[in-house]
Amino acid sequence: MKYYIIAGEASGDLHASNLMKALKKTDENAQFRYWGGDLMQQQGGELVKHYRNLAFMGFVEVLLNLRTILNNISFCKKDILSFRPDILIFVDYPGFNLRIAKWAKKEGIPTHFYISPQIWAWKENRIKDIKRNIDKMYVILPFEKEFYQDKHQFPVHFVGHPLIDAIAEKRQIPTEDFKKEFSLDQRPIIALLPGSRKQEISKMLEIMLSIVENYKDYQFIIAGAPSQEREFYQQFIKKSNVHLVMNRTYDLLSHATAALVTSGTATLETALFKVPEVVCYKGSFISYHIAKRIINLDYISLVNLIMKREVVTELIQNDFNKKKLIIELDKILDDKHREKMFEDYYLLEQKLGGTGASKKTAELIYESIHKPKD
C-alpha cells in the first residue's frame, strides 16, 4: 500500500517514524512519501519537504510567512495527486493538515489523523472540520477520547502515547560513557531543553542560563534541537559555562538530575524519563496576550493536563525570571520534593496506557484499508 504522511515538527517526525516502522511490519509492501524529518528518512521512502522549513511560531510569524505557507499547501496537493496514495496520514500540525484534509476528502482519498490537534485547548470549532473531513482519528491522551466521544459524539481510537514506546526502546548508555563522550566532569547534570525554533530557543536560554553561576556544584547541558545547526548555539555557549549535546536529548535525560524545559512535548518526555523538572515558557508580548484570551486551560504542560493537577511547576511569561527559576530549581533538587514528584510520574505513566501505540495505530490503519466494503 502507498502511504502519504505529513508531519510538520520535530515531535511529529519522531512519532511518524515509529508509525512507519510499525506499518512496515504490518504491511510488507508499504511505500512511503512524506513531509517530515531525519527520523522518518531513516525508515525509507521519499522525503518531500523537511519540517525545519515548515515550522512558524506564533501569530505574527505565521502572518509574515503566509505566502510561503499557501505555496506549500498548493505544492502538497499536487504532490499527493502525483503519488496517488491509498491513504493520507496526518500527524498533528493542524493548521496545515486540516486544509489538506478538506481538499483530500473531496478527492476521495482516505484521511487518517494520528495525534489529535489540541482543539481541547483552543480552536474547538475545528471539530466541525474534523468530523466532516477526517475518516479516522487516533488519540494519544486519555482525556482526548472523552473530549471527542462524550462532548462531540465523534468516535476515536485511544491508542496510548507513542513516547512510552520510544523511551522503552531507547538503549541506556552508562553514565560514565556518556560523560566521557562529551568531556563532562563528575558533577550532577541539569538539562536545559529550550525548544526547537530559533525564536523560542534564544528567548528561553537567555533566562535559563542566567542562573548557571548560582549552581557551581552542577553542570548545565543544553539539548540541541535536530532542527538547528550546532553553530547557532555557539553564541550561548561562549557566554556561559555550559555544554551542548546535539540530537541526543534522550541520552541527556537518561543521566540528568533535573531539567528546565520549555512547554511542549518535551515536558512529557522529561517526566517519562523520571527527571524532576520546571516547565518554562515566554512568548512575544503580542502572541502571549492573544493566546491568553483564546486558550482555555488550567495548565500549559502535558504533565499537569493529564494529571488534572499541578505536578510540575509552570513559570509562564513574567513569572519566568531568574529569581523564581532559582526558587523552583532548588525545590526539585530537594530529596523530599523529588520523591513526591517520582510518585506522580509513575501515576502519569499508568494513565497513558502502556506500550504499543505505534503498533496499535498501524494495525488499525491497515485493517481500515482492507476492511470489506458494505
Protein backbone atom coordinates (compact mmCIF):
# COMPACT_ATOMS: atom_id res chain seq x y z
CA MET A 1 0.00 0.00 0.00
CA LYS A 2 1.07 3.58 -0.61
CA TYR A 3 1.11 5.90 2.42
CA TYR A 4 1.47 9.69 2.21
CA ILE A 5 2.33 11.15 5.63
CA ILE A 6 2.52 14.81 6.69
CA ALA A 7 4.40 15.75 9.90
CA GLY A 8 5.45 19.36 10.37
CA GLU A 9 7.50 19.40 13.58
CA ALA A 10 10.24 17.51 15.45
CA SER A 11 7.81 15.61 17.67
CA GLY A 12 5.75 14.67 14.62
CA ASP A 13 8.89 13.35 12.92
CA LEU A 14 9.56 11.09 15.93
CA HIS A 15 6.03 9.69 16.15
CA ALA A 16 5.61 9.35 12.39
CA SER A 17 8.92 7.47 12.11
CA ASN A 18 7.77 4.96 14.72
CA LEU A 19 4.44 4.60 12.95
CA MET A 20 6.26 3.95 9.66
CA LYS A 21 8.38 1.31 11.40
CA ALA A 22 5.21 -0.38 12.67
CA LEU A 23 3.47 -0.10 9.29
CA LYS A 24 6.39 -1.88 7.59
CA LYS A 25 5.89 -4.80 9.98
CA THR A 26 2.14 -4.82 9.35
CA ASP A 27 2.33 -4.23 5.59
CA GLU A 28 5.37 -5.74 3.88
CA ASN A 29 4.53 -3.83 0.70
CA ALA A 30 4.36 -0.41 2.36
CA GLN A 31 5.58 2.54 0.28
CA PHE A 32 6.07 5.96 1.86
CA ARG A 33 6.21 9.54 0.67
CA TYR A 34 6.18 12.22 3.35
CA TRP A 35 6.79 15.64 4.80
CA GLY A 36 8.87 15.22 7.95
CA GLY A 37 12.46 14.90 9.09
CA ASP A 38 15.58 12.84 9.58
CA LEU A 39 13.94 10.12 11.69
CA MET A 40 11.34 9.44 9.01
CA GLN A 41 14.08 9.32 6.38
CA GLN A 42 15.75 6.54 8.34
CA GLN A 43 12.64 4.42 7.73
CA GLY A 44 12.94 4.73 3.96
CA GLY A 45 10.60 6.18 1.37
CA GLU A 46 10.97 9.67 -0.04
CA LEU A 47 11.12 12.96 1.90
CA VAL A 48 9.32 15.77 0.09
CA LYS A 49 9.98 18.67 2.49
CA HIS A 50 11.83 18.85 5.81
CA TYR A 51 9.92 20.17 8.80
CA ARG A 52 12.66 22.71 9.58
CA ASN A 53 11.34 24.68 6.58
CA LEU A 54 7.72 24.44 7.69
CA ALA A 55 7.54 25.43 11.37
CA PHE A 56 6.42 29.01 12.01
CA MET A 57 5.91 30.03 15.64
CA GLY A 58 3.29 32.49 16.88
CA PHE A 59 0.59 34.58 15.24
CA VAL A 60 2.93 37.29 13.93
CA GLU A 61 5.39 34.85 12.35
CA VAL A 62 2.57 32.99 10.60
CA LEU A 63 1.29 36.23 9.08
CA LEU A 64 4.77 37.19 7.89
CA ASN A 65 5.19 33.81 6.18
CA LEU A 66 1.65 33.43 4.86
CA ARG A 67 2.71 33.36 1.19
CA THR A 68 5.20 30.53 1.86
CA ILE A 69 2.55 28.56 3.75
CA LEU A 70 0.00 28.95 0.93
CA ASN A 71 2.60 27.90 -1.66
CA ASN A 72 3.40 24.81 0.42
CA ILE A 73 -0.29 23.88 0.57
CA SER A 74 -0.64 24.19 -3.21
CA PHE A 75 2.50 22.15 -3.83
CA CYS A 76 1.41 19.47 -1.36
CA LYS A 77 -1.90 18.92 -3.15
CA LYS A 78 -0.16 18.46 -6.49
CA ASP A 79 2.39 16.10 -4.96
CA ILE A 80 -0.31 13.93 -3.38
CA LEU A 81 -2.14 13.63 -6.69
CA SER A 82 1.10 12.65 -8.40
CA PHE A 83 1.85 9.93 -5.80
CA ARG A 84 -1.74 8.64 -5.73
CA PRO A 85 -1.63 7.23 -2.17
CA ASP A 86 -4.00 4.59 -0.81
CA ILE A 87 -4.22 6.57 2.41
CA LEU A 88 -3.24 10.01 3.69
CA ILE A 89 -1.96 10.18 7.30
CA PHE A 90 -1.74 13.48 9.17
CA VAL A 91 0.47 13.75 12.25
CA ASP A 92 -0.56 16.75 14.39
CA TYR A 93 0.40 20.05 12.57
CA PRO A 94 -3.28 21.05 12.32
CA GLY A 95 -3.13 24.46 10.61
CA PHE A 96 -1.64 22.88 7.51
CA ASN A 97 -3.05 19.36 7.75
CA LEU A 98 -6.71 20.28 8.17
CA ARG A 99 -6.55 22.36 5.00
CA ILE A 100 -5.12 19.43 3.08
CA ALA A 101 -7.73 17.11 4.66
CA LYS A 102 -10.61 19.25 3.37
CA TRP A 103 -9.25 19.02 -0.15
CA ALA A 104 -8.34 15.31 0.12
CA LYS A 105 -11.85 14.38 1.27
CA LYS A 106 -13.28 15.87 -1.92
CA GLU A 107 -10.70 13.91 -3.93
CA GLY A 108 -11.84 10.68 -2.31
CA ILE A 109 -8.55 9.96 -0.54
CA PRO A 110 -8.95 8.22 2.87
CA THR A 111 -7.91 10.65 5.61
CA HIS A 112 -6.49 9.44 8.93
CA PHE A 113 -5.27 11.73 11.73
CA TYR A 114 -2.67 10.39 14.18
CA ILE A 115 -2.13 12.56 17.26
CA SER A 116 -5.06 14.90 17.56
CA PRO A 117 -4.79 18.67 17.16
CA GLN A 118 -5.13 20.25 20.58
CA ILE A 119 -8.60 21.57 19.88
CA TRP A 120 -9.45 20.93 23.54
CA ALA A 121 -7.11 23.85 24.28
CA TRP A 122 -8.12 26.30 21.57
CA LYS A 123 -9.95 26.48 18.24
CA GLU A 124 -12.54 23.97 19.41
CA ASN A 125 -14.62 24.93 16.39
CA ARG A 126 -12.19 22.84 14.34
CA ILE A 127 -14.23 19.85 15.46
CA LYS A 128 -16.61 20.64 12.59
CA ASP A 129 -13.82 20.27 10.03
CA ILE A 130 -12.55 17.11 11.73
CA LYS A 131 -15.97 15.44 11.75
CA ARG A 132 -16.51 16.42 8.13
CA ASN A 133 -13.08 15.66 6.66
CA ILE A 134 -11.31 13.04 8.82
CA ASP A 135 -12.25 9.39 8.39
CA LYS A 136 -10.32 8.03 11.38
CA MET A 137 -8.78 9.74 14.42
CA TYR A 138 -6.16 8.13 16.70
CA VAL A 139 -5.67 9.96 20.00
CA ILE A 140 -2.80 9.55 22.46
CA LEU A 141 -4.06 11.31 25.60
CA PRO A 142 -6.73 9.72 27.81
CA PHE A 143 -8.86 12.85 28.18
CA GLU A 144 -8.99 13.29 24.38
CA LYS A 145 -11.22 10.25 23.96
CA GLU A 146 -13.68 11.73 26.45
CA PHE A 147 -13.48 15.09 24.68
CA TYR A 148 -14.28 13.68 21.23
CA GLN A 149 -16.75 10.94 22.07
CA ASP A 150 -18.63 12.36 25.05
CA LYS A 151 -18.63 16.02 24.19
CA HIS A 152 -18.71 15.93 20.40
CA GLN A 153 -20.04 12.45 19.55
CA PHE A 154 -17.12 11.70 17.24
CA PRO A 155 -15.70 8.16 17.65
CA VAL A 156 -11.93 7.96 18.03
CA HIS A 157 -9.33 5.32 18.91
CA PHE A 158 -7.27 5.84 22.08
CA VAL A 159 -4.01 4.04 21.26
CA GLY A 160 -1.82 5.16 24.17
CA HIS A 161 1.14 7.52 23.98
CA PRO A 162 3.93 6.69 21.49
CA LEU A 163 6.54 8.35 23.71
CA ILE A 164 6.33 5.36 26.05
CA ASP A 165 7.44 3.11 23.18
CA ALA A 166 10.18 5.48 22.07
CA ILE A 167 11.61 5.71 25.58
CA ALA A 168 11.24 1.98 26.30
CA GLU A 169 13.21 1.16 23.14
CA LYS A 170 16.00 3.60 23.99
CA ARG A 171 19.27 1.83 24.73
CA GLN A 172 20.72 3.06 28.02
CA ILE A 173 24.28 4.38 27.80
CA PRO A 174 26.29 4.08 31.06
CA THR A 175 26.68 7.45 32.78
CA GLU A 176 30.47 7.28 32.73
CA ASP A 177 30.48 6.60 28.98
CA PHE A 178 28.09 9.49 28.34
CA LYS A 179 30.16 11.94 30.38
CA LYS A 180 33.37 10.79 28.74
CA GLU A 181 31.92 11.14 25.23
CA PHE A 182 31.03 14.79 25.82
CA SER A 183 34.00 15.69 28.05
CA LEU A 184 31.82 16.21 31.10
CA ASP A 185 33.05 16.17 34.69
CA GLN A 186 31.58 14.20 37.59
CA ARG A 187 29.11 16.84 38.81
CA PRO A 188 25.34 16.10 38.54
CA ILE A 189 23.71 17.27 35.31
CA ILE A 190 20.96 19.85 34.92
CA ALA A 191 19.46 19.56 31.43
CA LEU A 192 18.26 22.63 29.54
CA LEU A 193 15.58 21.96 26.92
CA PRO A 194 14.89 25.38 25.36
CA GLY A 195 12.68 24.29 22.45
CA SER A 196 13.23 23.67 18.76
CA ARG A 197 12.81 27.02 16.98
CA LYS A 198 15.42 29.80 16.89
CA GLN A 199 12.98 32.38 18.21
CA GLU A 200 12.00 30.45 21.31
CA ILE A 201 15.46 28.99 21.94
CA SER A 202 17.00 32.46 22.14
CA LYS A 203 14.28 33.75 24.43
CA MET A 204 14.32 30.73 26.74
CA LEU A 205 18.09 30.26 27.02
CA GLU A 206 18.66 33.89 27.96
CA ILE A 207 16.82 33.30 31.24
CA MET A 208 17.79 29.66 31.78
CA LEU A 209 21.49 30.49 31.54
CA SER A 210 21.18 33.43 33.92
CA ILE A 211 21.23 31.04 36.88
CA VAL A 212 24.27 28.94 35.92
CA GLU A 213 26.67 30.77 38.24
CA ASN A 214 24.35 30.09 41.19
CA TYR A 215 24.85 26.31 40.86
CA LYS A 216 28.56 25.63 40.71
CA ASP A 217 28.07 22.11 42.10
CA TYR A 218 26.17 21.16 38.92
CA GLN A 219 26.95 21.19 35.21
CA PHE A 220 24.40 22.54 32.73
CA ILE A 221 23.90 20.81 29.38
CA ILE A 222 21.84 22.28 26.52
CA ALA A 223 19.81 19.82 24.45
CA GLY A 224 20.42 20.91 20.87
CA ALA A 225 17.34 20.51 18.65
CA PRO A 226 17.60 18.45 15.44
CA SER A 227 16.07 21.37 13.54
CA GLN A 228 19.04 23.64 14.34
CA GLU A 229 22.73 23.67 13.45
CA ARG A 230 25.44 23.43 16.11
CA GLU A 231 26.76 26.87 15.11
CA PHE A 232 23.53 28.52 16.23
CA TYR A 233 24.20 27.51 19.85
CA GLN A 234 27.77 28.80 19.96
CA GLN A 235 26.62 32.29 20.95
CA PHE A 236 25.10 30.88 24.14
CA ILE A 237 27.95 28.52 24.99
CA LYS A 238 30.52 31.31 24.74
CA LYS A 239 28.62 33.48 27.22
CA SER A 240 28.08 30.78 29.84
CA ASN A 241 29.97 27.83 31.26
CA VAL A 242 27.71 25.21 29.66
CA HIS A 243 27.95 22.21 27.34
CA LEU A 244 25.93 21.32 24.26
CA VAL A 245 24.62 17.91 23.22
CA MET A 246 23.16 17.81 19.69
CA ASN A 247 20.30 15.46 18.77
CA ARG A 248 20.80 13.38 21.92
CA THR A 249 18.03 14.65 24.18
CA TYR A 250 17.03 11.19 25.36
CA ASP A 251 20.60 10.31 26.29
CA LEU A 252 20.84 13.59 28.17
CA LEU A 253 17.60 13.00 30.08
CA SER A 254 18.75 9.48 30.93
CA HIS A 255 21.57 10.98 33.02
CA ALA A 256 20.06 14.29 34.21
CA THR A 257 19.33 15.07 37.85
CA ALA A 258 16.90 17.87 36.98
CA ALA A 259 15.71 19.80 33.94
CA LEU A 260 14.43 23.20 32.85
CA VAL A 261 12.03 22.55 30.00
CA THR A 262 10.20 24.72 27.51
CA SER A 263 6.49 23.93 27.41
CA GLY A 264 5.57 21.31 24.82
CA THR A 265 6.06 17.60 24.22
CA ALA A 266 9.44 17.79 25.99
CA THR A 267 7.67 18.27 29.33
CA LEU A 268 6.08 14.84 28.98
CA GLU A 269 9.30 13.24 27.71
CA THR A 270 11.16 14.56 30.73
CA ALA A 271 8.53 13.18 33.09
CA LEU A 272 8.62 9.75 31.45
CA PHE A 273 12.39 9.70 31.99
CA LYS A 274 11.59 10.39 35.67
CA VAL A 275 13.54 13.66 35.73
CA PRO A 276 12.21 16.39 38.08
CA GLU A 277 11.53 19.48 36.00
CA VAL A 278 10.47 23.10 35.96
CA VAL A 279 8.31 23.99 32.97
CA CYS A 280 9.09 27.35 31.37
CA TYR A 281 7.52 29.49 28.70
CA LYS A 282 7.92 33.06 27.48
CA GLY A 283 6.48 34.25 24.19
CA SER A 284 6.33 37.61 22.45
CA PHE A 285 4.11 40.19 24.16
CA ILE A 286 1.56 40.17 21.33
CA SER A 287 1.42 36.37 20.86
CA TYR A 288 1.16 35.73 24.59
CA HIS A 289 -1.74 38.12 25.16
CA ILE A 290 -3.64 36.83 22.13
CA ALA A 291 -3.13 33.24 23.33
CA LYS A 292 -4.18 34.12 26.87
CA ARG A 293 -7.55 35.31 25.59
CA ILE A 294 -8.33 32.32 23.39
CA ILE A 295 -6.79 29.35 25.22
CA ASN A 296 -8.99 27.94 27.95
CA LEU A 297 -6.71 25.67 30.02
CA ASP A 298 -5.71 25.49 33.65
CA TYR A 299 -2.18 24.39 32.71
CA ILE A 300 0.21 24.54 29.75
CA SER A 301 2.27 21.40 30.38
CA LEU A 302 1.05 17.99 29.26
CA VAL A 303 2.08 16.51 32.61
CA ASN A 304 -0.34 18.70 34.56
CA LEU A 305 -3.08 18.45 31.93
CA ILE A 306 -3.04 14.66 32.00
CA MET A 307 -2.90 14.50 35.80
CA LYS A 308 -5.52 17.29 36.10
CA ARG A 309 -3.50 18.94 38.88
CA GLU A 310 -0.14 20.65 39.36
CA VAL A 311 2.61 18.05 39.39
CA VAL A 312 5.31 20.25 37.88
CA THR A 313 5.67 23.99 38.41
CA GLU A 314 4.96 26.21 35.39
CA LEU A 315 6.75 29.53 35.10
CA ILE A 316 4.94 31.46 32.38
CA GLN A 317 5.76 34.83 30.81
CA ASN A 318 6.64 37.33 33.58
CA ASP A 319 6.89 34.55 36.17
CA PHE A 320 9.71 33.06 34.13
CA ASN A 321 12.55 35.08 35.61
CA LYS A 322 15.85 34.42 37.35
CA LYS A 323 14.56 34.81 40.90
CA LYS A 324 11.62 32.42 40.55
CA LEU A 325 13.64 29.96 38.49
CA ILE A 326 16.18 29.62 41.30
CA ILE A 327 13.41 29.08 43.86
CA GLU A 328 11.78 26.33 41.79
CA LEU A 329 15.04 24.63 40.81
CA ASP A 330 16.05 24.48 44.49
CA LYS A 331 12.78 22.68 45.20
CA ILE A 332 13.28 19.93 42.62
CA LEU A 333 16.82 19.37 43.85
CA ASP A 334 15.47 18.69 47.34
CA ASP A 335 15.07 14.96 48.09
CA LYS A 336 11.63 15.19 49.72
CA HIS A 337 10.15 17.15 46.81
CA ARG A 338 11.76 14.80 44.30
CA GLU A 339 10.29 11.71 45.97
CA LYS A 340 6.75 13.08 45.64
CA MET A 341 7.36 14.01 42.01
CA PHE A 342 8.61 10.49 41.20
CA GLU A 343 5.39 9.04 42.64
CA ASP A 344 3.33 11.33 40.43
CA TYR A 345 5.41 10.42 37.39
CA TYR A 346 4.62 6.72 37.84
CA LEU A 347 0.90 7.50 38.09
CA LEU A 348 1.21 9.59 34.93
CA GLU A 349 2.71 6.68 33.01
CA GLN A 350 -0.15 4.41 34.07
CA LYS A 351 -2.70 6.93 32.78
CA LEU A 352 -1.03 6.94 29.37
CA GLY A 353 -1.96 3.34 28.70
CA GLY A 354 1.32 1.46 28.44
CA THR A 355 3.34 0.46 25.39
CA GLY A 356 2.24 -0.37 21.85
CA ALA A 357 0.77 2.90 20.49
CA SER A 358 2.54 2.74 17.12
CA LYS A 359 1.72 -0.94 16.63
CA LYS A 360 -1.96 -0.45 17.52
CA THR A 361 -2.26 2.52 15.17
CA ALA A 362 -0.53 0.76 12.29
CA GLU A 363 -2.81 -2.26 12.63
CA LEU A 364 -5.95 -0.10 12.78
CA ILE A 365 -4.87 1.84 9.68
CA TYR A 366 -4.06 -1.33 7.73
CA GLU A 367 -7.31 -3.02 8.77
CA SER A 368 -9.35 0.03 7.74
CA ILE A 369 -7.92 -0.13 4.21
CA HIS A 370 -8.57 -3.85 3.82
CA LYS A 371 -11.92 -3.97 5.57
CA PRO A 372 -14.55 -5.24 3.13
CA LYS A 373 -16.93 -2.59 1.87
CA ASP A 374 -20.55 -2.94 2.93
